[in-house]
Amino acid sequence: MRIPRRALAASLIPLLPRAARAQRRTVRLVVPAAPGGAIDVIGRIYAPRLGDALEQNWVVENRSGANNTLGAAEVARAAPDGTTLLVNADIHLMARRVMRAVPYDPVADFTPVARLATAPMVLVGNPRTTPEGGVPALVAAMRARPEAFPFANSALGAMGHLATESFKQKAGVDSLVVSYRGTAPAITDVLSGNAALMVAPLGSALPHIEAGRLRAFAVMGPRRSDRAPAIPTIGEGGMPGLDFTLWYAVWGPRGLPAAEADRLNAAIQALARDPDIRARIAEGGAEPVAEDRAAFARFIEAEAERNARIAQVAGIQPE
C-alpha cells in the first residue's frame, strides 16, 4: 500500500523533536562526590536547563572518591572539546595540599567556567557541652579547657576545615580537629556529643538549630543569612575577618577554547537569574552566582593564595 506524501509527512512531525534531541551533542558533567550531596544536587539543578539552553544533552555522572580527586582527574585527562566538564566545590583548590600524588594541578590543569552558587557556613555546637553566651563565652571556655572542645570536620581541606583552623588561630586555642567522610557523619557526631563543635553548611545545620539540637554561635561571613537572620555574624561575636563561604563551580579541562567557555558562562549567568533556579537553589540554603569568567578567575587566584596561607599556618600536610 502506498502512503500519500502528505500523510507521511504528517506522521513524521511528532518524531522530529525526539530526532533532534538524539542529534544533539552529549555533555558529561562529572560530579566528584556521591549522589545526594550539595555538589550533586546543585549540578543536577543546572544540568537539564543548561542542556536546553545550549541545545545539548547534559548527563550528570558521579565519580566519587579520594577527597573529590578521582572525578576531577577524569576531567583533567579529557579532551578540551566541551563534552566533559567538572562541577565541584571549594575543596577542589585544596587537592594537592591534603593528598599525596594528585595527578593534576587544580588550577593549571583546568579552565574556569563559572561559579554556580555560594552558601553560608555556621559555627555550631552541642548544647549540652558548649556554653551559652555566644562567641565570647565559647572562646573563654575553650581557652580554659581546649581539650573539651574538639571540632568535627566534613573533609580534610574543606572550607569548614579552613574556617575551623582560622577560628582556632584567632581565638588562640589548640582544640582537636577530627575529619570525617562528609558533612552528615560530622554533624551526627556533634549531635551525639562525640564532638563539641563544627563549622557546618547552614543548610545542613539549620533544621537541627531550629529544633534545639544544635547551638548556633555565628555565621562565618560578613553578613547575616536571610534564612536565619537571628544568628549573628562572627564579626558581631568579636572576631572580624573570618569570612568562609562555601562555593560551587564548573570547570573544563585545560585548553577549553575561550569561545566555548564564554558560551557556557553566559548560559550559567542567565540561569542564575532565573526565578525557578533561584528558588530551587535557595531550598538548599544556597544562592546562585552570576559573574563573568574573568571575575571567576580572579576569585580563584585570591582563594588559592588565602588557602595556601591558612594551610601553612595550620600545618595542614598532604596525607
C-alpha atoms as a PDB file:
ATOM      1  CA  MET A   1       0.000   0.000   0.000  1.00  0.00           C
ATOM      2  CA  ARG A   2       1.328   3.393  -0.953  1.00  0.00           C
ATOM      3  CA  ILE A   3       1.015   6.106   1.703  1.00  0.00           C
ATOM      4  CA  PRO A   4       0.184   9.579   0.368  1.00  0.00           C
ATOM      5  CA  ARG A   5       3.100  12.015   0.682  1.00  0.00           C
ATOM      6  CA  ARG A   6       1.064  14.493   2.781  1.00  0.00           C
ATOM      7  CA  ALA A   7       0.002  11.765   5.222  1.00  0.00           C
ATOM      8  CA  LEU A   8       3.569  10.511   5.506  1.00  0.00           C
ATOM      9  CA  ALA A   9       4.867  13.991   6.304  1.00  0.00           C
ATOM     10  CA  ALA A  10       2.193  14.474   8.944  1.00  0.00           C
ATOM     11  CA  SER A  11       3.055  11.157  10.591  1.00  0.00           C
ATOM     12  CA  LEU A  12       6.702  12.237  10.994  1.00  0.00           C
ATOM     13  CA  ILE A  13       6.019  15.545  12.754  1.00  0.00           C
ATOM     14  CA  PRO A  14       5.795  14.070  16.303  1.00  0.00           C
ATOM     15  CA  LEU A  15       9.132  12.334  15.748  1.00  0.00           C
ATOM     16  CA  LEU A  16      11.076  15.479  14.893  1.00  0.00           C
ATOM     17  CA  PRO A  17      11.750  16.769  18.434  1.00  0.00           C
ATOM     18  CA  ARG A  18      12.975  13.325  19.556  1.00  0.00           C
ATOM     19  CA  ALA A  19      15.154  13.006  16.474  1.00  0.00           C
ATOM     20  CA  ALA A  20      16.561  16.484  17.035  1.00  0.00           C
ATOM     21  CA  ARG A  21      17.394  15.608  20.630  1.00  0.00           C
ATOM     22  CA  ALA A  22      19.135  12.437  19.501  1.00  0.00           C
ATOM     23  CA  GLN A  23      21.387  14.510  17.233  1.00  0.00           C
ATOM     24  CA  ARG A  24      22.396  16.902  19.998  1.00  0.00           C
ATOM     25  CA  ARG A  25      25.913  16.755  21.388  1.00  0.00           C
ATOM     26  CA  THR A  26      26.161  14.957  24.743  1.00  0.00           C
ATOM     27  CA  VAL A  27      27.968  16.754  27.564  1.00  0.00           C
ATOM     28  CA  ARG A  28      29.140  14.847  30.641  1.00  0.00           C
ATOM     29  CA  LEU A  29      29.006  16.852  33.864  1.00  0.00           C
ATOM     30  CA  VAL A  30      31.244  14.936  36.262  1.00  0.00           C
ATOM     31  CA  VAL A  31      30.390  15.173  39.963  1.00  0.00           C
ATOM     32  CA  PRO A  32      33.387  14.001  42.036  1.00  0.00           C
ATOM     33  CA  ALA A  33      31.174  13.258  45.047  1.00  0.00           C
ATOM     34  CA  ALA A  34      28.419  10.841  45.981  1.00  0.00           C
ATOM     35  CA  PRO A  35      24.804  11.378  44.879  1.00  0.00           C
ATOM     36  CA  GLY A  36      22.651  13.454  47.188  1.00  0.00           C
ATOM     37  CA  GLY A  37      25.302  15.858  48.452  1.00  0.00           C
ATOM     38  CA  ALA A  38      25.305  19.581  47.771  1.00  0.00           C
ATOM     39  CA  ILE A  39      27.644  19.355  44.757  1.00  0.00           C
ATOM     40  CA  ASP A  40      25.469  16.688  43.167  1.00  0.00           C
ATOM     41  CA  VAL A  41      22.192  18.490  43.905  1.00  0.00           C
ATOM     42  CA  ILE A  42      23.379  21.830  42.525  1.00  0.00           C
ATOM     43  CA  GLY A  43      24.846  20.174  39.446  1.00  0.00           C
ATOM     44  CA  ARG A  44      21.583  18.365  38.771  1.00  0.00           C
ATOM     45  CA  ILE A  45      19.555  21.574  39.135  1.00  0.00           C
ATOM     46  CA  TYR A  46      21.605  23.320  36.470  1.00  0.00           C
ATOM     47  CA  ALA A  47      22.355  20.432  34.081  1.00  0.00           C
ATOM     48  CA  PRO A  48      18.992  19.906  32.341  1.00  0.00           C
ATOM     49  CA  ARG A  49      18.374  23.636  31.984  1.00  0.00           C
ATOM     50  CA  LEU A  50      21.846  24.153  30.517  1.00  0.00           C
ATOM     51  CA  GLY A  51      21.167  21.326  28.097  1.00  0.00           C
ATOM     52  CA  ASP A  52      18.006  23.053  26.926  1.00  0.00           C
ATOM     53  CA  ALA A  53      19.648  26.474  26.693  1.00  0.00           C
ATOM     54  CA  LEU A  54      22.630  25.181  24.717  1.00  0.00           C
ATOM     55  CA  GLU A  55      20.675  22.585  22.703  1.00  0.00           C
ATOM     56  CA  GLN A  56      22.747  19.739  24.125  1.00  0.00           C
ATOM     57  CA  ASN A  57      22.139  16.588  26.154  1.00  0.00           C
ATOM     58  CA  TRP A  58      23.696  17.083  29.593  1.00  0.00           C
ATOM     59  CA  VAL A  59      24.337  13.904  31.587  1.00  0.00           C
ATOM     60  CA  VAL A  60      25.424  14.005  35.239  1.00  0.00           C
ATOM     61  CA  GLU A  61      27.946  11.310  36.202  1.00  0.00           C
ATOM     62  CA  ASN A  62      29.098  10.680  39.780  1.00  0.00           C
ATOM     63  CA  ARG A  63      32.775   9.729  40.116  1.00  0.00           C
ATOM     64  CA  SER A  64      33.341   9.942  43.855  1.00  0.00           C
ATOM     65  CA  GLY A  65      36.372   9.060  45.939  1.00  0.00           C
ATOM     66  CA  ALA A  66      39.768  10.238  47.183  1.00  0.00           C
ATOM     67  CA  ASN A  67      38.571  13.583  48.543  1.00  0.00           C
ATOM     68  CA  ASN A  68      36.880  14.517  45.245  1.00  0.00           C
ATOM     69  CA  THR A  69      40.066  13.939  43.225  1.00  0.00           C
ATOM     70  CA  LEU A  70      39.039  10.854  41.221  1.00  0.00           C
ATOM     71  CA  GLY A  71      36.346  12.658  39.270  1.00  0.00           C
ATOM     72  CA  ALA A  72      38.461  15.771  38.882  1.00  0.00           C
ATOM     73  CA  ALA A  73      41.340  13.706  37.488  1.00  0.00           C
ATOM     74  CA  GLU A  74      38.995  12.234  34.865  1.00  0.00           C
ATOM     75  CA  VAL A  75      38.062  15.718  33.671  1.00  0.00           C
ATOM     76  CA  ALA A  76      41.703  16.863  33.680  1.00  0.00           C
ATOM     77  CA  ARG A  77      42.509  13.995  31.287  1.00  0.00           C
ATOM     78  CA  ALA A  78      39.544  14.669  28.984  1.00  0.00           C
ATOM     79  CA  ALA A  79      39.724  16.310  25.575  1.00  0.00           C
ATOM     80  CA  PRO A  80      39.113  20.087  25.831  1.00  0.00           C
ATOM     81  CA  ASP A  81      36.192  19.995  23.421  1.00  0.00           C
ATOM     82  CA  GLY A  82      33.392  20.977  25.788  1.00  0.00           C
ATOM     83  CA  THR A  83      31.944  17.473  26.139  1.00  0.00           C
ATOM     84  CA  THR A  84      33.407  16.756  29.595  1.00  0.00           C
ATOM     85  CA  LEU A  85      33.061  19.248  32.439  1.00  0.00           C
ATOM     86  CA  LEU A  86      33.560  19.226  36.201  1.00  0.00           C
ATOM     87  CA  VAL A  87      31.241  20.567  38.879  1.00  0.00           C
ATOM     88  CA  ASN A  88      32.980  20.755  42.240  1.00  0.00           C
ATOM     89  CA  ALA A  89      33.130  22.766  45.441  1.00  0.00           C
ATOM     90  CA  ASP A  90      35.802  24.938  47.028  1.00  0.00           C
ATOM     91  CA  ILE A  91      37.689  21.813  48.149  1.00  0.00           C
ATOM     92  CA  HIS A  92      38.880  21.458  44.530  1.00  0.00           C
ATOM     93  CA  LEU A  93      41.602  24.055  45.123  1.00  0.00           C
ATOM     94  CA  MET A  94      42.982  22.149  48.129  1.00  0.00           C
ATOM     95  CA  ALA A  95      43.621  18.820  46.369  1.00  0.00           C
ATOM     96  CA  ARG A  96      47.427  18.874  46.425  1.00  0.00           C
ATOM     97  CA  ARG A  97      47.571  20.379  49.905  1.00  0.00           C
ATOM     98  CA  VAL A  98      45.733  17.488  51.536  1.00  0.00           C
ATOM     99  CA  MET A  99      46.552  14.456  49.353  1.00  0.00           C
ATOM    100  CA  ARG A 100      49.779  12.993  48.037  1.00  0.00           C
ATOM    101  CA  ALA A 101      50.317  12.136  44.360  1.00  0.00           C
ATOM    102  CA  VAL A 102      47.321  14.035  42.974  1.00  0.00           C
ATOM    103  CA  PRO A 103      47.802  13.636  39.194  1.00  0.00           C
ATOM    104  CA  TYR A 104      46.764  17.155  38.248  1.00  0.00           C
ATOM    105  CA  ASP A 105      47.192  20.799  39.228  1.00  0.00           C
ATOM    106  CA  PRO A 106      43.809  22.124  40.464  1.00  0.00           C
ATOM    107  CA  VAL A 107      44.439  25.492  38.823  1.00  0.00           C
ATOM    108  CA  ALA A 108      46.778  24.982  35.870  1.00  0.00           C
ATOM    109  CA  ASP A 109      45.078  21.844  34.505  1.00  0.00           C
ATOM    110  CA  PHE A 110      41.554  23.280  34.354  1.00  0.00           C
ATOM    111  CA  THR A 111      39.719  26.096  32.595  1.00  0.00           C
ATOM    112  CA  PRO A 112      37.482  28.042  34.989  1.00  0.00           C
ATOM    113  CA  VAL A 113      33.994  28.444  33.540  1.00  0.00           C
ATOM    114  CA  ALA A 114      31.694  29.844  36.228  1.00  0.00           C
ATOM    115  CA  ARG A 115      30.685  29.737  39.835  1.00  0.00           C
ATOM    116  CA  LEU A 116      27.198  28.317  40.268  1.00  0.00           C
ATOM    117  CA  ALA A 117      26.298  29.137  43.854  1.00  0.00           C
ATOM    118  CA  THR A 118      27.524  30.112  47.293  1.00  0.00           C
ATOM    119  CA  ALA A 119      26.290  29.002  50.706  1.00  0.00           C
ATOM    120  CA  PRO A 120      26.938  30.370  54.208  1.00  0.00           C
ATOM    121  CA  MET A 121      28.623  28.389  56.954  1.00  0.00           C
ATOM    122  CA  VAL A 122      27.768  28.492  60.628  1.00  0.00           C
ATOM    123  CA  LEU A 123      29.706  27.709  63.804  1.00  0.00           C
ATOM    124  CA  VAL A 124      27.552  25.304  65.815  1.00  0.00           C
ATOM    125  CA  GLY A 125      27.945  23.287  68.988  1.00  0.00           C
ATOM    126  CA  ASN A 126      26.273  20.611  71.019  1.00  0.00           C
ATOM    127  CA  PRO A 127      24.057  22.493  73.514  1.00  0.00           C
ATOM    128  CA  ARG A 128      24.938  20.002  76.273  1.00  0.00           C
ATOM    129  CA  THR A 129      28.691  20.580  76.005  1.00  0.00           C
ATOM    130  CA  THR A 130      29.037  24.207  74.878  1.00  0.00           C
ATOM    131  CA  PRO A 131      28.209  27.350  76.854  1.00  0.00           C
ATOM    132  CA  GLU A 132      25.512  29.923  76.335  1.00  0.00           C
ATOM    133  CA  GLY A 133      26.596  33.490  75.797  1.00  0.00           C
ATOM    134  CA  GLY A 134      27.686  33.477  72.185  1.00  0.00           C
ATOM    135  CA  VAL A 135      31.183  33.522  70.729  1.00  0.00           C
ATOM    136  CA  PRO A 136      32.846  35.394  73.652  1.00  0.00           C
ATOM    137  CA  ALA A 137      31.646  32.801  76.168  1.00  0.00           C
ATOM    138  CA  LEU A 138      32.710  29.958  73.868  1.00  0.00           C
ATOM    139  CA  VAL A 139      36.213  31.372  73.355  1.00  0.00           C
ATOM    140  CA  ALA A 140      36.646  31.852  77.106  1.00  0.00           C
ATOM    141  CA  ALA A 141      35.592  28.265  77.784  1.00  0.00           C
ATOM    142  CA  MET A 142      37.885  26.926  75.047  1.00  0.00           C
ATOM    143  CA  ARG A 143      40.878  28.840  76.389  1.00  0.00           C
ATOM    144  CA  ALA A 144      40.250  27.361  79.814  1.00  0.00           C
ATOM    145  CA  ARG A 145      39.806  23.772  78.611  1.00  0.00           C
ATOM    146  CA  PRO A 146      40.690  23.362  74.898  1.00  0.00           C
ATOM    147  CA  GLU A 147      40.636  19.566  75.173  1.00  0.00           C
ATOM    148  CA  ALA A 148      36.907  19.698  75.991  1.00  0.00           C
ATOM    149  CA  PHE A 149      36.008  21.274  72.641  1.00  0.00           C
ATOM    150  CA  PRO A 150      37.018  19.009  69.741  1.00  0.00           C
ATOM    151  CA  PHE A 151      35.793  20.011  66.289  1.00  0.00           C
ATOM    152  CA  ALA A 152      34.163  17.731  63.742  1.00  0.00           C
ATOM    153  CA  ASN A 153      35.123  18.470  60.133  1.00  0.00           C
ATOM    154  CA  SER A 154      33.416  17.252  56.963  1.00  0.00           C
ATOM    155  CA  ALA A 155      36.634  16.592  54.992  1.00  0.00           C
ATOM    156  CA  LEU A 156      40.319  17.332  55.089  1.00  0.00           C
ATOM    157  CA  GLY A 157      40.902  20.664  53.356  1.00  0.00           C
ATOM    158  CA  ALA A 158      37.213  21.534  53.004  1.00  0.00           C
ATOM    159  CA  MET A 159      36.016  25.092  53.616  1.00  0.00           C
ATOM    160  CA  GLY A 160      34.842  24.090  57.083  1.00  0.00           C
ATOM    161  CA  HIS A 161      38.354  22.821  57.865  1.00  0.00           C
ATOM    162  CA  LEU A 162      39.932  26.109  56.774  1.00  0.00           C
ATOM    163  CA  ALA A 163      37.361  28.059  58.780  1.00  0.00           C
ATOM    164  CA  THR A 164      37.977  25.913  61.851  1.00  0.00           C
ATOM    165  CA  GLU A 165      41.741  26.348  61.736  1.00  0.00           C
ATOM    166  CA  SER A 166      41.388  30.097  61.232  1.00  0.00           C
ATOM    167  CA  PHE A 167      38.943  30.348  64.132  1.00  0.00           C
ATOM    168  CA  LYS A 168      41.333  28.413  66.382  1.00  0.00           C
ATOM    169  CA  GLN A 169      44.223  30.668  65.443  1.00  0.00           C
ATOM    170  CA  LYS A 170      42.261  33.883  66.042  1.00  0.00           C
ATOM    171  CA  ALA A 171      40.874  32.568  69.342  1.00  0.00           C
ATOM    172  CA  GLY A 172      44.296  31.393  70.482  1.00  0.00           C
ATOM    173  CA  VAL A 173      43.240  27.810  71.212  1.00  0.00           C
ATOM    174  CA  ASP A 174      44.503  24.414  70.050  1.00  0.00           C
ATOM    175  CA  SER A 175      41.463  22.156  70.084  1.00  0.00           C
ATOM    176  CA  LEU A 176      41.486  18.820  68.250  1.00  0.00           C
ATOM    177  CA  VAL A 177      40.007  18.669  64.729  1.00  0.00           C
ATOM    178  CA  VAL A 178      38.667  15.308  63.508  1.00  0.00           C
ATOM    179  CA  SER A 179      37.919  14.881  59.793  1.00  0.00           C
ATOM    180  CA  TYR A 180      35.003  12.730  58.607  1.00  0.00           C
ATOM    181  CA  ARG A 181      33.823  11.478  55.223  1.00  0.00           C
ATOM    182  CA  GLY A 182      31.183  14.082  54.629  1.00  0.00           C
ATOM    183  CA  THR A 183      29.004  16.629  56.374  1.00  0.00           C
ATOM    184  CA  ALA A 184      26.334  14.192  57.567  1.00  0.00           C
ATOM    185  CA  PRO A 185      28.553  11.947  59.731  1.00  0.00           C
ATOM    186  CA  ALA A 186      30.362  15.000  61.138  1.00  0.00           C
ATOM    187  CA  ILE A 187      27.104  16.648  62.220  1.00  0.00           C
ATOM    188  CA  THR A 188      25.910  13.327  63.635  1.00  0.00           C
ATOM    189  CA  ASP A 189      28.891  13.199  65.979  1.00  0.00           C
ATOM    190  CA  VAL A 190      28.244  16.757  67.153  1.00  0.00           C
ATOM    191  CA  LEU A 191      24.598  15.862  67.805  1.00  0.00           C
ATOM    192  CA  SER A 192      25.662  12.805  69.798  1.00  0.00           C
ATOM    193  CA  GLY A 193      28.241  14.734  71.808  1.00  0.00           C
ATOM    194  CA  ASN A 194      31.277  12.898  70.476  1.00  0.00           C
ATOM    195  CA  ALA A 195      32.421  16.266  69.099  1.00  0.00           C
ATOM    196  CA  ALA A 196      31.596  19.613  70.654  1.00  0.00           C
ATOM    197  CA  LEU A 197      31.807  21.964  67.699  1.00  0.00           C
ATOM    198  CA  MET A 198      31.672  22.210  63.912  1.00  0.00           C
ATOM    199  CA  VAL A 199      31.731  24.817  61.182  1.00  0.00           C
ATOM    200  CA  ALA A 200      28.906  23.414  59.065  1.00  0.00           C
ATOM    201  CA  PRO A 201      26.912  24.420  55.978  1.00  0.00           C
ATOM    202  CA  LEU A 202      23.949  26.448  57.182  1.00  0.00           C
ATOM    203  CA  GLY A 203      21.554  24.433  55.021  1.00  0.00           C
ATOM    204  CA  SER A 204      22.623  21.183  56.699  1.00  0.00           C
ATOM    205  CA  ALA A 205      22.699  22.581  60.236  1.00  0.00           C
ATOM    206  CA  LEU A 206      19.581  24.766  60.233  1.00  0.00           C
ATOM    207  CA  PRO A 207      16.958  22.035  60.870  1.00  0.00           C
ATOM    208  CA  HIS A 208      18.933  20.943  63.951  1.00  0.00           C
ATOM    209  CA  ILE A 209      19.363  24.550  65.085  1.00  0.00           C
ATOM    210  CA  GLU A 210      15.633  25.209  64.773  1.00  0.00           C
ATOM    211  CA  ALA A 211      14.872  22.001  66.700  1.00  0.00           C
ATOM    212  CA  GLY A 212      17.254  22.971  69.508  1.00  0.00           C
ATOM    213  CA  ARG A 213      19.620  20.070  68.845  1.00  0.00           C
ATOM    214  CA  LEU A 214      22.473  22.390  67.851  1.00  0.00           C
ATOM    215  CA  ARG A 215      23.508  25.729  69.304  1.00  0.00           C
ATOM    216  CA  ALA A 216      24.335  28.343  66.664  1.00  0.00           C
ATOM    217  CA  PHE A 217      27.154  30.706  67.611  1.00  0.00           C
ATOM    218  CA  ALA A 218      27.800  32.652  64.421  1.00  0.00           C
ATOM    219  CA  VAL A 219      27.586  32.804  60.647  1.00  0.00           C
ATOM    220  CA  MET A 220      31.138  32.640  59.272  1.00  0.00           C
ATOM    221  CA  GLY A 221      30.800  35.633  56.986  1.00  0.00           C
ATOM    222  CA  PRO A 222      30.335  39.400  56.826  1.00  0.00           C
ATOM    223  CA  ARG A 223      26.529  39.425  56.822  1.00  0.00           C
ATOM    224  CA  ARG A 224      23.695  37.537  58.432  1.00  0.00           C
ATOM    225  CA  SER A 225      21.801  34.967  56.409  1.00  0.00           C
ATOM    226  CA  ASP A 226      18.288  35.710  55.217  1.00  0.00           C
ATOM    227  CA  ARG A 227      17.375  32.127  56.114  1.00  0.00           C
ATOM    228  CA  ALA A 228      18.479  32.571  59.725  1.00  0.00           C
ATOM    229  CA  PRO A 229      18.573  36.302  60.489  1.00  0.00           C
ATOM    230  CA  ALA A 230      18.727  35.749  64.256  1.00  0.00           C
ATOM    231  CA  ILE A 231      22.181  34.177  64.063  1.00  0.00           C
ATOM    232  CA  PRO A 232      24.858  36.883  64.425  1.00  0.00           C
ATOM    233  CA  THR A 233      27.951  37.065  62.256  1.00  0.00           C
ATOM    234  CA  ILE A 234      31.337  36.017  63.577  1.00  0.00           C
ATOM    235  CA  GLY A 235      32.359  39.690  63.416  1.00  0.00           C
ATOM    236  CA  GLU A 236      29.479  40.600  65.702  1.00  0.00           C
ATOM    237  CA  GLY A 237      30.883  37.999  68.078  1.00  0.00           C
ATOM    238  CA  GLY A 238      34.132  39.923  68.293  1.00  0.00           C
ATOM    239  CA  MET A 239      36.132  38.026  65.649  1.00  0.00           C
ATOM    240  CA  PRO A 240      36.022  40.013  62.387  1.00  0.00           C
ATOM    241  CA  GLY A 241      37.792  38.875  59.236  1.00  0.00           C
ATOM    242  CA  LEU A 242      36.738  35.228  59.335  1.00  0.00           C
ATOM    243  CA  ASP A 243      34.877  35.096  56.032  1.00  0.00           C
ATOM    244  CA  PHE A 244      34.346  31.486  54.927  1.00  0.00           C
ATOM    245  CA  THR A 245      31.599  30.797  52.407  1.00  0.00           C
ATOM    246  CA  LEU A 246      31.041  27.557  50.532  1.00  0.00           C
ATOM    247  CA  TRP A 247      31.060  27.835  46.757  1.00  0.00           C
ATOM    248  CA  TYR A 248      30.340  25.527  43.832  1.00  0.00           C
ATOM    249  CA  ALA A 249      31.593  25.932  40.277  1.00  0.00           C
ATOM    250  CA  VAL A 250      32.117  24.459  36.818  1.00  0.00           C
ATOM    251  CA  TRP A 251      35.493  23.856  35.186  1.00  0.00           C
ATOM    252  CA  GLY A 252      36.575  22.421  31.859  1.00  0.00           C
ATOM    253  CA  PRO A 253      39.867  20.728  31.024  1.00  0.00           C
ATOM    254  CA  ARG A 254      42.884  22.906  30.325  1.00  0.00           C
ATOM    255  CA  GLY A 255      42.767  24.188  26.752  1.00  0.00           C
ATOM    256  CA  LEU A 256      38.985  24.532  26.537  1.00  0.00           C
ATOM    257  CA  PRO A 257      38.512  27.183  23.818  1.00  0.00           C
ATOM    258  CA  ALA A 258      37.665  30.621  25.181  1.00  0.00           C
ATOM    259  CA  ALA A 259      34.616  30.889  22.923  1.00  0.00           C
ATOM    260  CA  GLU A 260      33.182  27.639  24.331  1.00  0.00           C
ATOM    261  CA  ALA A 261      33.930  28.646  27.924  1.00  0.00           C
ATOM    262  CA  ASP A 262      32.344  32.071  27.365  1.00  0.00           C
ATOM    263  CA  ARG A 263      29.235  30.450  25.870  1.00  0.00           C
ATOM    264  CA  LEU A 264      28.900  28.181  28.907  1.00  0.00           C
ATOM    265  CA  ASN A 265      29.454  31.076  31.279  1.00  0.00           C
ATOM    266  CA  ALA A 266      26.791  33.203  29.574  1.00  0.00           C
ATOM    267  CA  ALA A 267      24.252  30.379  29.844  1.00  0.00           C
ATOM    268  CA  ILE A 268      25.048  29.860  33.541  1.00  0.00           C
ATOM    269  CA  GLN A 269      24.735  33.585  34.264  1.00  0.00           C
ATOM    270  CA  ALA A 270      21.344  33.670  32.565  1.00  0.00           C
ATOM    271  CA  LEU A 271      20.115  30.705  34.615  1.00  0.00           C
ATOM    272  CA  ALA A 272      21.449  32.236  37.841  1.00  0.00           C
ATOM    273  CA  ARG A 273      18.865  34.994  37.332  1.00  0.00           C
ATOM    274  CA  ASP A 274      16.026  32.561  36.528  1.00  0.00           C
ATOM    275  CA  PRO A 275      13.347  32.571  39.299  1.00  0.00           C
ATOM    276  CA  ASP A 276      12.906  28.794  39.221  1.00  0.00           C
ATOM    277  CA  ILE A 277      16.646  28.110  39.535  1.00  0.00           C
ATOM    278  CA  ARG A 278      16.973  30.699  42.294  1.00  0.00           C
ATOM    279  CA  ALA A 279      14.113  29.142  44.246  1.00  0.00           C
ATOM    280  CA  ARG A 280      15.476  25.611  43.918  1.00  0.00           C
ATOM    281  CA  ILE A 281      18.995  26.654  44.924  1.00  0.00           C
ATOM    282  CA  ALA A 282      17.591  28.589  47.891  1.00  0.00           C
ATOM    283  CA  GLU A 283      15.813  25.464  49.132  1.00  0.00           C
ATOM    284  CA  GLY A 284      19.242  24.002  49.847  1.00  0.00           C
ATOM    285  CA  GLY A 285      20.428  27.099  51.687  1.00  0.00           C
ATOM    286  CA  ALA A 286      22.498  28.486  48.805  1.00  0.00           C
ATOM    287  CA  GLU A 287      22.400  31.461  46.462  1.00  0.00           C
ATOM    288  CA  PRO A 288      23.108  31.470  42.701  1.00  0.00           C
ATOM    289  CA  VAL A 289      26.085  33.439  41.385  1.00  0.00           C
ATOM    290  CA  ALA A 290      26.188  35.438  38.148  1.00  0.00           C
ATOM    291  CA  GLU A 291      29.713  36.555  37.247  1.00  0.00           C
ATOM    292  CA  ASP A 292      31.843  36.515  34.118  1.00  0.00           C
ATOM    293  CA  ARG A 293      34.852  34.263  33.585  1.00  0.00           C
ATOM    294  CA  ALA A 294      37.378  36.986  34.346  1.00  0.00           C
ATOM    295  CA  ALA A 295      35.785  37.604  37.755  1.00  0.00           C
ATOM    296  CA  PHE A 296      35.773  33.869  38.496  1.00  0.00           C
ATOM    297  CA  ALA A 297      39.448  33.581  37.544  1.00  0.00           C
ATOM    298  CA  ARG A 298      40.341  36.469  39.883  1.00  0.00           C
ATOM    299  CA  PHE A 299      38.320  34.847  42.645  1.00  0.00           C
ATOM    300  CA  ILE A 300      40.175  31.537  42.199  1.00  0.00           C
ATOM    301  CA  GLU A 301      43.542  33.280  42.353  1.00  0.00           C
ATOM    302  CA  ALA A 302      42.635  35.042  45.610  1.00  0.00           C
ATOM    303  CA  GLU A 303      41.162  31.880  47.157  1.00  0.00           C
ATOM    304  CA  ALA A 304      44.209  29.789  46.247  1.00  0.00           C
ATOM    305  CA  GLU A 305      46.529  32.330  47.871  1.00  0.00           C
ATOM    306  CA  ARG A 306      44.430  32.515  51.036  1.00  0.00           C
ATOM    307  CA  ASN A 307      44.124  28.742  51.262  1.00  0.00           C
ATOM    308  CA  ALA A 308      47.897  28.383  50.986  1.00  0.00           C
ATOM    309  CA  ARG A 309      48.426  30.809  53.876  1.00  0.00           C
ATOM    310  CA  ILE A 310      45.894  29.031  56.075  1.00  0.00           C
ATOM    311  CA  ALA A 311      47.319  25.596  55.289  1.00  0.00           C
ATOM    312  CA  GLN A 312      50.820  26.747  56.129  1.00  0.00           C
ATOM    313  CA  VAL A 313      49.852  28.359  59.434  1.00  0.00           C
ATOM    314  CA  ALA A 314      47.665  25.409  60.425  1.00  0.00           C
ATOM    315  CA  GLY A 315      50.274  22.858  59.439  1.00  0.00           C
ATOM    316  CA  ILE A 316      47.956  21.068  57.016  1.00  0.00           C
ATOM    317  CA  GLN A 317      50.013  18.457  55.187  1.00  0.00           C
ATOM    318  CA  PRO A 318      49.203  16.016  52.355  1.00  0.00           C
ATOM    319  CA  GLU A 319      48.188  12.576  53.624  1.00  0.00           C
END
